[in-house]
């Protein structure tokens, strides 16, 4: 699909730190698990 997807997690609460990640086509489930 061509939809410029992103994973976003939004919380009801005060803004604190935020994890920003920029991925390429090489990003896979194994690296995703490490990033989590």
ModelCIF file with pLDDT and N, C-alpha, C, O atoms, coordinates in Angstrom:
data_MODEL
#
_entry.id   MODEL 
#
_entity.id                         1 
_entity.type                       polymer 
_entity.pdbx_number_of_molecules   1 
#
_entity_poly.entity_id                      1 
_entity_poly.type                           'polypeptide(L)' 
_entity_poly.nstd_linkage                   no 
_entity_poly.nstd_monomer                   no 
_entity_poly.pdbx_seq_one_letter_code       
;(UNK)(UNK)(UNK)(UNK)(UNK)(UNK)(UNK)(UNK)(UNK)(UNK)(UNK)(UNK)(UNK)(UNK)(UNK)(UNK)
(UNK)(UNK)(UNK)(UNK)(UNK)(UNK)(UNK)(UNK)(UNK)(UNK)(UNK)(UNK)(UNK)(UNK)(UNK)(UNK)
(UNK)(UNK)(UNK)(UNK)
;
_entity_poly.pdbx_seq_one_letter_code_can   XXXXXXXXXXXXXXXXXXXXXXXXXXXXXXXXXXXX 
_entity_poly.pdbx_strand_id                 A 
#
loop_
_entity_poly_seq.entity_id 
_entity_poly_seq.num 
_entity_poly_seq.mon_id 
_entity_poly_seq.hetero 
1 1  UNK n 
1 2  UNK n 
1 3  UNK n 
1 4  UNK n 
1 5  UNK n 
1 6  UNK n 
1 7  UNK n 
1 8  UNK n 
1 9  UNK n 
1 10 UNK n 
1 11 UNK n 
1 12 UNK n 
1 13 UNK n 
1 14 UNK n 
1 15 UNK n 
1 16 UNK n 
1 17 UNK n 
1 18 UNK n 
1 19 UNK n 
1 20 UNK n 
1 21 UNK n 
1 22 UNK n 
1 23 UNK n 
1 24 UNK n 
1 25 UNK n 
1 26 UNK n 
1 27 UNK n 
1 28 UNK n 
1 29 UNK n 
1 30 UNK n 
1 31 UNK n 
1 32 UNK n 
1 33 UNK n 
1 34 UNK n 
1 35 UNK n 
1 36 UNK n 
#
_struct_asym.id          A 
_struct_asym.entity_id   1 
#
loop_
_ma_qa_metric.id 
_ma_qa_metric.mode 
_ma_qa_metric.name 
_ma_qa_metric.software_group_id 
_ma_qa_metric.type 
1 global pLDDT . pLDDT 
2 local  pLDDT . pLDDT 
#
_ma_qa_metric_global.metric_id      1 
_ma_qa_metric_global.metric_value   92.97 
_ma_qa_metric_global.model_id       1 
_ma_qa_metric_global.ordinal_id     1 
#
loop_
_ma_qa_metric_local.label_asym_id 
_ma_qa_metric_local.label_comp_id 
_ma_qa_metric_local.label_seq_id 
_ma_qa_metric_local.metric_id 
_ma_qa_metric_local.metric_value 
_ma_qa_metric_local.model_id 
_ma_qa_metric_local.ordinal_id 
A UNK 1  2 63.00 1 1  
A UNK 2  2 61.00 1 2  
A UNK 3  2 72.00 1 3  
A UNK 4  2 85.00 1 4  
A UNK 5  2 92.00 1 5  
A UNK 6  2 95.00 1 6  
A UNK 7  2 97.00 1 7  
A UNK 8  2 98.00 1 8  
A UNK 9  2 98.00 1 9  
A UNK 10 2 98.00 1 10 
A UNK 11 2 98.00 1 11 
A UNK 12 2 97.00 1 12 
A UNK 13 2 96.00 1 13 
A UNK 14 2 95.00 1 14 
A UNK 15 2 95.00 1 15 
A UNK 16 2 93.00 1 16 
A UNK 17 2 93.00 1 17 
A UNK 18 2 95.00 1 18 
A UNK 19 2 96.00 1 19 
A UNK 20 2 96.00 1 20 
A UNK 21 2 96.00 1 21 
A UNK 22 2 95.00 1 22 
A UNK 23 2 95.00 1 23 
A UNK 24 2 95.00 1 24 
A UNK 25 2 94.00 1 25 
A UNK 26 2 96.00 1 26 
A UNK 27 2 96.00 1 27 
A UNK 28 2 95.00 1 28 
A UNK 29 2 96.00 1 29 
A UNK 30 2 97.00 1 30 
A UNK 31 2 97.00 1 31 
A UNK 32 2 97.00 1 32 
A UNK 33 2 97.00 1 33 
A UNK 34 2 96.00 1 34 
A UNK 35 2 96.00 1 35 
A UNK 36 2 96.00 1 36 
#
loop_
_atom_site.group_PDB 
_atom_site.id 
_atom_site.type_symbol 
_atom_site.label_atom_id 
_atom_site.label_alt_id 
_atom_site.label_comp_id 
_atom_site.label_asym_id 
_atom_site.label_entity_id 
_atom_site.label_seq_id 
_atom_site.pdbx_PDB_ins_code 
_atom_site.Cartn_x 
_atom_site.Cartn_y 
_atom_site.Cartn_z 
_atom_site.occupancy 
_atom_site.B_iso_or_equiv 
_atom_site.pdbx_formal_charge 
_atom_site.auth_seq_id 
_atom_site.auth_comp_id 
_atom_site.auth_asym_id 
_atom_site.auth_atom_id 
_atom_site.pdbx_PDB_model_num 
ATOM 1   N N  . UNK A 1 1  ? 0.855  -1.184 0.000  1.00 63.00 ? 1  UNK A N  1 
ATOM 2   C CA . UNK A 1 1  ? 0.000  0.000  0.000  1.00 63.00 ? 1  UNK A CA 1 
ATOM 3   C C  . UNK A 1 1  ? 0.890  1.233  0.000  1.00 63.00 ? 1  UNK A C  1 
ATOM 4   O O  . UNK A 1 1  ? 2.054  1.170  0.397  1.00 63.00 ? 1  UNK A O  1 
ATOM 5   N N  . UNK A 1 2  ? 0.334  2.354  -0.448 1.00 61.00 ? 2  UNK A N  1 
ATOM 6   C CA . UNK A 1 2  ? 1.070  3.622  -0.473 1.00 61.00 ? 2  UNK A CA 1 
ATOM 7   C C  . UNK A 1 2  ? 0.344  4.592  0.446  1.00 61.00 ? 2  UNK A C  1 
ATOM 8   O O  . UNK A 1 2  ? -0.528 5.344  0.010  1.00 61.00 ? 2  UNK A O  1 
ATOM 9   N N  . UNK A 1 3  ? 0.712  4.565  1.721  1.00 72.00 ? 3  UNK A N  1 
ATOM 10  C CA . UNK A 1 3  ? -0.043 5.357  2.695  1.00 72.00 ? 3  UNK A CA 1 
ATOM 11  C C  . UNK A 1 3  ? 0.848  6.083  3.692  1.00 72.00 ? 3  UNK A C  1 
ATOM 12  O O  . UNK A 1 3  ? 0.335  6.649  4.658  1.00 72.00 ? 3  UNK A O  1 
ATOM 13  N N  . UNK A 1 4  ? 2.182  6.088  3.491  1.00 85.00 ? 4  UNK A N  1 
ATOM 14  C CA . UNK A 1 4  ? 3.113  6.751  4.414  1.00 85.00 ? 4  UNK A CA 1 
ATOM 15  C C  . UNK A 1 4  ? 2.828  6.361  5.863  1.00 85.00 ? 4  UNK A C  1 
ATOM 16  O O  . UNK A 1 4  ? 2.558  7.229  6.692  1.00 85.00 ? 4  UNK A O  1 
ATOM 17  N N  . UNK A 1 5  ? 2.885  5.052  6.178  1.00 92.00 ? 5  UNK A N  1 
ATOM 18  C CA . UNK A 1 5  ? 2.488  4.640  7.530  1.00 92.00 ? 5  UNK A CA 1 
ATOM 19  C C  . UNK A 1 5  ? 3.532  4.977  8.587  1.00 92.00 ? 5  UNK A C  1 
ATOM 20  O O  . UNK A 1 5  ? 4.728  5.090  8.316  1.00 92.00 ? 5  UNK A O  1 
ATOM 21  N N  . UNK A 1 6  ? 3.028  5.128  9.788  1.00 95.00 ? 6  UNK A N  1 
ATOM 22  C CA . UNK A 1 6  ? 3.880  5.301  10.966 1.00 95.00 ? 6  UNK A CA 1 
ATOM 23  C C  . UNK A 1 6  ? 3.179  4.650  12.147 1.00 95.00 ? 6  UNK A C  1 
ATOM 24  O O  . UNK A 1 6  ? 1.951  4.643  12.229 1.00 95.00 ? 6  UNK A O  1 
ATOM 25  N N  . UNK A 1 7  ? 3.965  4.110  13.048 1.00 97.00 ? 7  UNK A N  1 
ATOM 26  C CA . UNK A 1 7  ? 3.437  3.655  14.331 1.00 97.00 ? 7  UNK A CA 1 
ATOM 27  C C  . UNK A 1 7  ? 3.420  4.853  15.264 1.00 97.00 ? 7  UNK A C  1 
ATOM 28  O O  . UNK A 1 7  ? 4.444  5.504  15.471 1.00 97.00 ? 7  UNK A O  1 
ATOM 29  N N  . UNK A 1 8  ? 2.259  5.138  15.822 1.00 98.00 ? 8  UNK A N  1 
ATOM 30  C CA . UNK A 1 8  ? 2.151  6.206  16.811 1.00 98.00 ? 8  UNK A CA 1 
ATOM 31  C C  . UNK A 1 8  ? 1.454  5.668  18.045 1.00 98.00 ? 8  UNK A C  1 
ATOM 32  O O  . UNK A 1 8  ? 0.452  4.958  17.949 1.00 98.00 ? 8  UNK A O  1 
ATOM 33  N N  . UNK A 1 9  ? 1.988  6.009  19.194 1.00 98.00 ? 9  UNK A N  1 
ATOM 34  C CA . UNK A 1 9  ? 1.357  5.672  20.467 1.00 98.00 ? 9  UNK A CA 1 
ATOM 35  C C  . UNK A 1 9  ? 1.123  6.983  21.207 1.00 98.00 ? 9  UNK A C  1 
ATOM 36  O O  . UNK A 1 9  ? 2.064  7.709  21.526 1.00 98.00 ? 9  UNK A O  1 
ATOM 37  N N  . UNK A 1 10 ? -0.147 7.273  21.474 1.00 98.00 ? 10 UNK A N  1 
ATOM 38  C CA . UNK A 1 10 ? -0.551 8.520  22.122 1.00 98.00 ? 10 UNK A CA 1 
ATOM 39  C C  . UNK A 1 10 ? -1.218 8.170  23.442 1.00 98.00 ? 10 UNK A C  1 
ATOM 40  O O  . UNK A 1 10 ? -2.096 7.310  23.496 1.00 98.00 ? 10 UNK A O  1 
ATOM 41  N N  . UNK A 1 11 ? -0.799 8.835  24.495 1.00 98.00 ? 11 UNK A N  1 
ATOM 42  C CA . UNK A 1 11 ? -1.281 8.547  25.849 1.00 98.00 ? 11 UNK A CA 1 
ATOM 43  C C  . UNK A 1 11 ? -2.057 9.732  26.406 1.00 98.00 ? 11 UNK A C  1 
ATOM 44  O O  . UNK A 1 11 ? -1.723 10.885 26.132 1.00 98.00 ? 11 UNK A O  1 
ATOM 45  N N  . UNK A 1 12 ? -3.098 9.444  27.192 1.00 97.00 ? 12 UNK A N  1 
ATOM 46  C CA . UNK A 1 12 ? -3.759 10.536 27.894 1.00 97.00 ? 12 UNK A CA 1 
ATOM 47  C C  . UNK A 1 12 ? -2.950 10.852 29.147 1.00 97.00 ? 12 UNK A C  1 
ATOM 48  O O  . UNK A 1 12 ? -2.929 10.066 30.094 1.00 97.00 ? 12 UNK A O  1 
ATOM 49  N N  . UNK A 1 13 ? -2.290 11.993 29.148 1.00 96.00 ? 13 UNK A N  1 
ATOM 50  C CA . UNK A 1 13 ? -1.434 12.369 30.263 1.00 96.00 ? 13 UNK A CA 1 
ATOM 51  C C  . UNK A 1 13 ? -0.470 13.458 29.854 1.00 96.00 ? 13 UNK A C  1 
ATOM 52  O O  . UNK A 1 13 ? -0.534 13.967 28.735 1.00 96.00 ? 13 UNK A O  1 
ATOM 53  N N  . UNK A 1 14 ? 0.416  13.814 30.751 1.00 95.00 ? 14 UNK A N  1 
ATOM 54  C CA . UNK A 1 14 ? 1.398  14.856 30.505 1.00 95.00 ? 14 UNK A CA 1 
ATOM 55  C C  . UNK A 1 14 ? 2.489  14.368 29.560 1.00 95.00 ? 14 UNK A C  1 
ATOM 56  O O  . UNK A 1 14 ? 2.926  13.219 29.634 1.00 95.00 ? 14 UNK A O  1 
ATOM 57  N N  . UNK A 1 15 ? 2.917  15.253 28.677 1.00 95.00 ? 15 UNK A N  1 
ATOM 58  C CA . UNK A 1 15 ? 3.976  14.893 27.737 1.00 95.00 ? 15 UNK A CA 1 
ATOM 59  C C  . UNK A 1 15 ? 5.301  14.727 28.460 1.00 95.00 ? 15 UNK A C  1 
ATOM 60  O O  . UNK A 1 15 ? 5.721  15.590 29.231 1.00 95.00 ? 15 UNK A O  1 
ATOM 61  N N  . UNK A 1 16 ? 5.944  13.610 28.198 1.00 93.00 ? 16 UNK A N  1 
ATOM 62  C CA . UNK A 1 16 ? 7.290  13.373 28.694 1.00 93.00 ? 16 UNK A CA 1 
ATOM 63  C C  . UNK A 1 16 ? 8.195  13.059 27.536 1.00 93.00 ? 16 UNK A C  1 
ATOM 64  O O  . UNK A 1 16 ? 8.065  13.649 26.464 1.00 93.00 ? 16 UNK A O  1 
ATOM 65  N N  . UNK A 1 17 ? 9.111  12.138 27.736 1.00 93.00 ? 17 UNK A N  1 
ATOM 66  C CA . UNK A 1 17 ? 9.996  11.734 26.663 1.00 93.00 ? 17 UNK A CA 1 
ATOM 67  C C  . UNK A 1 17 ? 9.242  10.986 25.580 1.00 93.00 ? 17 UNK A C  1 
ATOM 68  O O  . UNK A 1 17 ? 8.192  10.397 25.838 1.00 93.00 ? 17 UNK A O  1 
ATOM 69  N N  . UNK A 1 18 ? 9.779  11.011 24.365 1.00 95.00 ? 18 UNK A N  1 
ATOM 70  C CA . UNK A 1 18 ? 9.135  10.338 23.237 1.00 95.00 ? 18 UNK A CA 1 
ATOM 71  C C  . UNK A 1 18 ? 10.202 9.613  22.422 1.00 95.00 ? 18 UNK A C  1 
ATOM 72  O O  . UNK A 1 18 ? 11.276 10.152 22.155 1.00 95.00 ? 18 UNK A O  1 
ATOM 73  N N  . UNK A 1 19 ? 9.882  8.381  22.034 1.00 96.00 ? 19 UNK A N  1 
ATOM 74  C CA . UNK A 1 19 ? 10.785 7.598  21.199 1.00 96.00 ? 19 UNK A CA 1 
ATOM 75  C C  . UNK A 1 19 ? 10.465 7.890  19.736 1.00 96.00 ? 19 UNK A C  1 
ATOM 76  O O  . UNK A 1 19 ? 9.344  7.660  19.283 1.00 96.00 ? 19 UNK A O  1 
ATOM 77  N N  . UNK A 1 20 ? 11.450 8.396  19.000 1.00 96.00 ? 20 UNK A N  1 
ATOM 78  C CA . UNK A 1 20 ? 11.278 8.623  17.566 1.00 96.00 ? 20 UNK A CA 1 
ATOM 79  C C  . UNK A 1 20 ? 12.201 7.651  16.840 1.00 96.00 ? 20 UNK A C  1 
ATOM 80  O O  . UNK A 1 20 ? 13.363 7.479  17.209 1.00 96.00 ? 20 UNK A O  1 
ATOM 81  N N  . UNK A 1 21 ? 11.664 7.023  15.807 1.00 96.00 ? 21 UNK A N  1 
ATOM 82  C CA . UNK A 1 21 ? 12.442 6.056  15.041 1.00 96.00 ? 21 UNK A CA 1 
ATOM 83  C C  . UNK A 1 21 ? 12.231 6.304  13.559 1.00 96.00 ? 21 UNK A C  1 
ATOM 84  O O  . UNK A 1 21 ? 11.113 6.561  13.113 1.00 96.00 ? 21 UNK A O  1 
ATOM 85  N N  . UNK A 1 22 ? 13.308 6.224  12.807 1.00 95.00 ? 22 UNK A N  1 
ATOM 86  C CA . UNK A 1 22 ? 13.259 6.374  11.357 1.00 95.00 ? 22 UNK A CA 1 
ATOM 87  C C  . UNK A 1 22 ? 13.744 5.068  10.755 1.00 95.00 ? 22 UNK A C  1 
ATOM 88  O O  . UNK A 1 22 ? 14.880 4.658  10.997 1.00 95.00 ? 22 UNK A O  1 
ATOM 89  N N  . UNK A 1 23 ? 12.894 4.404  9.970  1.00 95.00 ? 23 UNK A N  1 
ATOM 90  C CA . UNK A 1 23 ? 13.204 3.076  9.485  1.00 95.00 ? 23 UNK A CA 1 
ATOM 91  C C  . UNK A 1 23 ? 13.423 3.065  7.975  1.00 95.00 ? 23 UNK A C  1 
ATOM 92  O O  . UNK A 1 23 ? 13.059 4.007  7.271  1.00 95.00 ? 23 UNK A O  1 
ATOM 93  N N  . UNK A 1 24 ? 14.020 1.989  7.499  1.00 95.00 ? 24 UNK A N  1 
ATOM 94  C CA . UNK A 1 24 ? 14.183 1.743  6.068  1.00 95.00 ? 24 UNK A CA 1 
ATOM 95  C C  . UNK A 1 24 ? 13.534 0.394  5.744  1.00 95.00 ? 24 UNK A C  1 
ATOM 96  O O  . UNK A 1 24 ? 12.979 -0.264 6.623  1.00 95.00 ? 24 UNK A O  1 
ATOM 97  N N  . UNK A 1 25 ? 13.611 -0.002 4.486  1.00 94.00 ? 25 UNK A N  1 
ATOM 98  C CA . UNK A 1 25 ? 13.020 -1.268 4.065  1.00 94.00 ? 25 UNK A CA 1 
ATOM 99  C C  . UNK A 1 25 ? 13.688 -2.468 4.737  1.00 94.00 ? 25 UNK A C  1 
ATOM 100 O O  . UNK A 1 25 ? 13.121 -3.560 4.736  1.00 94.00 ? 25 UNK A O  1 
ATOM 101 N N  . UNK A 1 26 ? 14.862 -2.293 5.302  1.00 96.00 ? 26 UNK A N  1 
ATOM 102 C CA . UNK A 1 26 ? 15.579 -3.397 5.956  1.00 96.00 ? 26 UNK A CA 1 
ATOM 103 C C  . UNK A 1 26 ? 15.065 -3.678 7.366  1.00 96.00 ? 26 UNK A C  1 
ATOM 104 O O  . UNK A 1 26 ? 15.414 -4.700 7.956  1.00 96.00 ? 26 UNK A O  1 
ATOM 105 N N  . UNK A 1 27 ? 14.248 -2.791 7.909  1.00 96.00 ? 27 UNK A N  1 
ATOM 106 C CA . UNK A 1 27 ? 13.716 -2.973 9.261  1.00 96.00 ? 27 UNK A CA 1 
ATOM 107 C C  . UNK A 1 27 ? 12.823 -4.212 9.295  1.00 96.00 ? 27 UNK A C  1 
ATOM 108 O O  . UNK A 1 27 ? 11.956 -4.377 8.437  1.00 96.00 ? 27 UNK A O  1 
ATOM 109 N N  . UNK A 1 28 ? 13.035 -5.092 10.296 1.00 95.00 ? 28 UNK A N  1 
ATOM 110 C CA . UNK A 1 28 ? 12.277 -6.341 10.344 1.00 95.00 ? 28 UNK A CA 1 
ATOM 111 C C  . UNK A 1 28 ? 11.846 -6.648 11.771 1.00 95.00 ? 28 UNK A C  1 
ATOM 112 O O  . UNK A 1 28 ? 12.097 -5.873 12.695 1.00 95.00 ? 28 UNK A O  1 
ATOM 113 N N  . UNK A 1 29 ? 11.190 -7.800 11.933 1.00 96.00 ? 29 UNK A N  1 
ATOM 114 C CA . UNK A 1 29 ? 10.604 -8.141 13.230 1.00 96.00 ? 29 UNK A CA 1 
ATOM 115 C C  . UNK A 1 29 ? 11.665 -8.326 14.311 1.00 96.00 ? 29 UNK A C  1 
ATOM 116 O O  . UNK A 1 29 ? 11.406 -8.041 15.480 1.00 96.00 ? 29 UNK A O  1 
ATOM 117 N N  . UNK A 1 30 ? 12.852 -8.796 13.940 1.00 97.00 ? 30 UNK A N  1 
ATOM 118 C CA . UNK A 1 30 ? 13.888 -9.031 14.950 1.00 97.00 ? 30 UNK A CA 1 
ATOM 119 C C  . UNK A 1 30 ? 14.410 -7.698 15.498 1.00 97.00 ? 30 UNK A C  1 
ATOM 120 O O  . UNK A 1 30 ? 14.552 -7.526 16.709 1.00 97.00 ? 30 UNK A O  1 
ATOM 121 N N  . UNK A 1 31 ? 14.693 -6.763 14.593 1.00 97.00 ? 31 UNK A N  1 
ATOM 122 C CA . UNK A 1 31 ? 15.139 -5.449 15.054 1.00 97.00 ? 31 UNK A CA 1 
ATOM 123 C C  . UNK A 1 31 ? 14.017 -4.737 15.794 1.00 97.00 ? 31 UNK A C  1 
ATOM 124 O O  . UNK A 1 31 ? 14.265 -4.028 16.769 1.00 97.00 ? 31 UNK A O  1 
ATOM 125 N N  . UNK A 1 32 ? 12.783 -4.925 15.336 1.00 97.00 ? 32 UNK A N  1 
ATOM 126 C CA . UNK A 1 32 ? 11.641 -4.294 16.015 1.00 97.00 ? 32 UNK A CA 1 
ATOM 127 C C  . UNK A 1 32 ? 11.541 -4.771 17.458 1.00 97.00 ? 32 UNK A C  1 
ATOM 128 O O  . UNK A 1 32 ? 11.276 -3.977 18.361 1.00 97.00 ? 32 UNK A O  1 
ATOM 129 N N  . UNK A 1 33 ? 11.754 -6.078 17.680 1.00 97.00 ? 33 UNK A N  1 
ATOM 130 C CA . UNK A 1 33 ? 11.695 -6.607 19.043 1.00 97.00 ? 33 UNK A CA 1 
ATOM 131 C C  . UNK A 1 33 ? 12.789 -5.991 19.919 1.00 97.00 ? 33 UNK A C  1 
ATOM 132 O O  . UNK A 1 33 ? 12.557 -5.686 21.089 1.00 97.00 ? 33 UNK A O  1 
ATOM 133 N N  . UNK A 1 34 ? 13.980 -5.812 19.345 1.00 96.00 ? 34 UNK A N  1 
ATOM 134 C CA . UNK A 1 34 ? 15.066 -5.176 20.106 1.00 96.00 ? 34 UNK A CA 1 
ATOM 135 C C  . UNK A 1 34 ? 14.729 -3.720 20.412 1.00 96.00 ? 34 UNK A C  1 
ATOM 136 O O  . UNK A 1 34 ? 15.006 -3.228 21.505 1.00 96.00 ? 34 UNK A O  1 
ATOM 137 N N  . UNK A 1 35 ? 14.126 -3.032 19.434 1.00 96.00 ? 35 UNK A N  1 
ATOM 138 C CA . UNK A 1 35 ? 13.768 -1.634 19.652 1.00 96.00 ? 35 UNK A CA 1 
ATOM 139 C C  . UNK A 1 35 ? 12.695 -1.507 20.724 1.00 96.00 ? 35 UNK A C  1 
ATOM 140 O O  . UNK A 1 35 ? 12.746 -0.585 21.538 1.00 96.00 ? 35 UNK A O  1 
ATOM 141 N N  . UNK A 1 36 ? 11.720 -2.421 20.738 1.00 96.00 ? 36 UNK A N  1 
ATOM 142 C CA . UNK A 1 36 ? 10.699 -2.406 21.790 1.00 96.00 ? 36 UNK A CA 1 
ATOM 143 C C  . UNK A 1 36 ? 11.356 -2.584 23.154 1.00 96.00 ? 36 UNK A C  1 
ATOM 144 O O  . UNK A 1 36 ? 10.666 -2.600 24.173 1.00 96.00 ? 36 UNK A O  1 
#
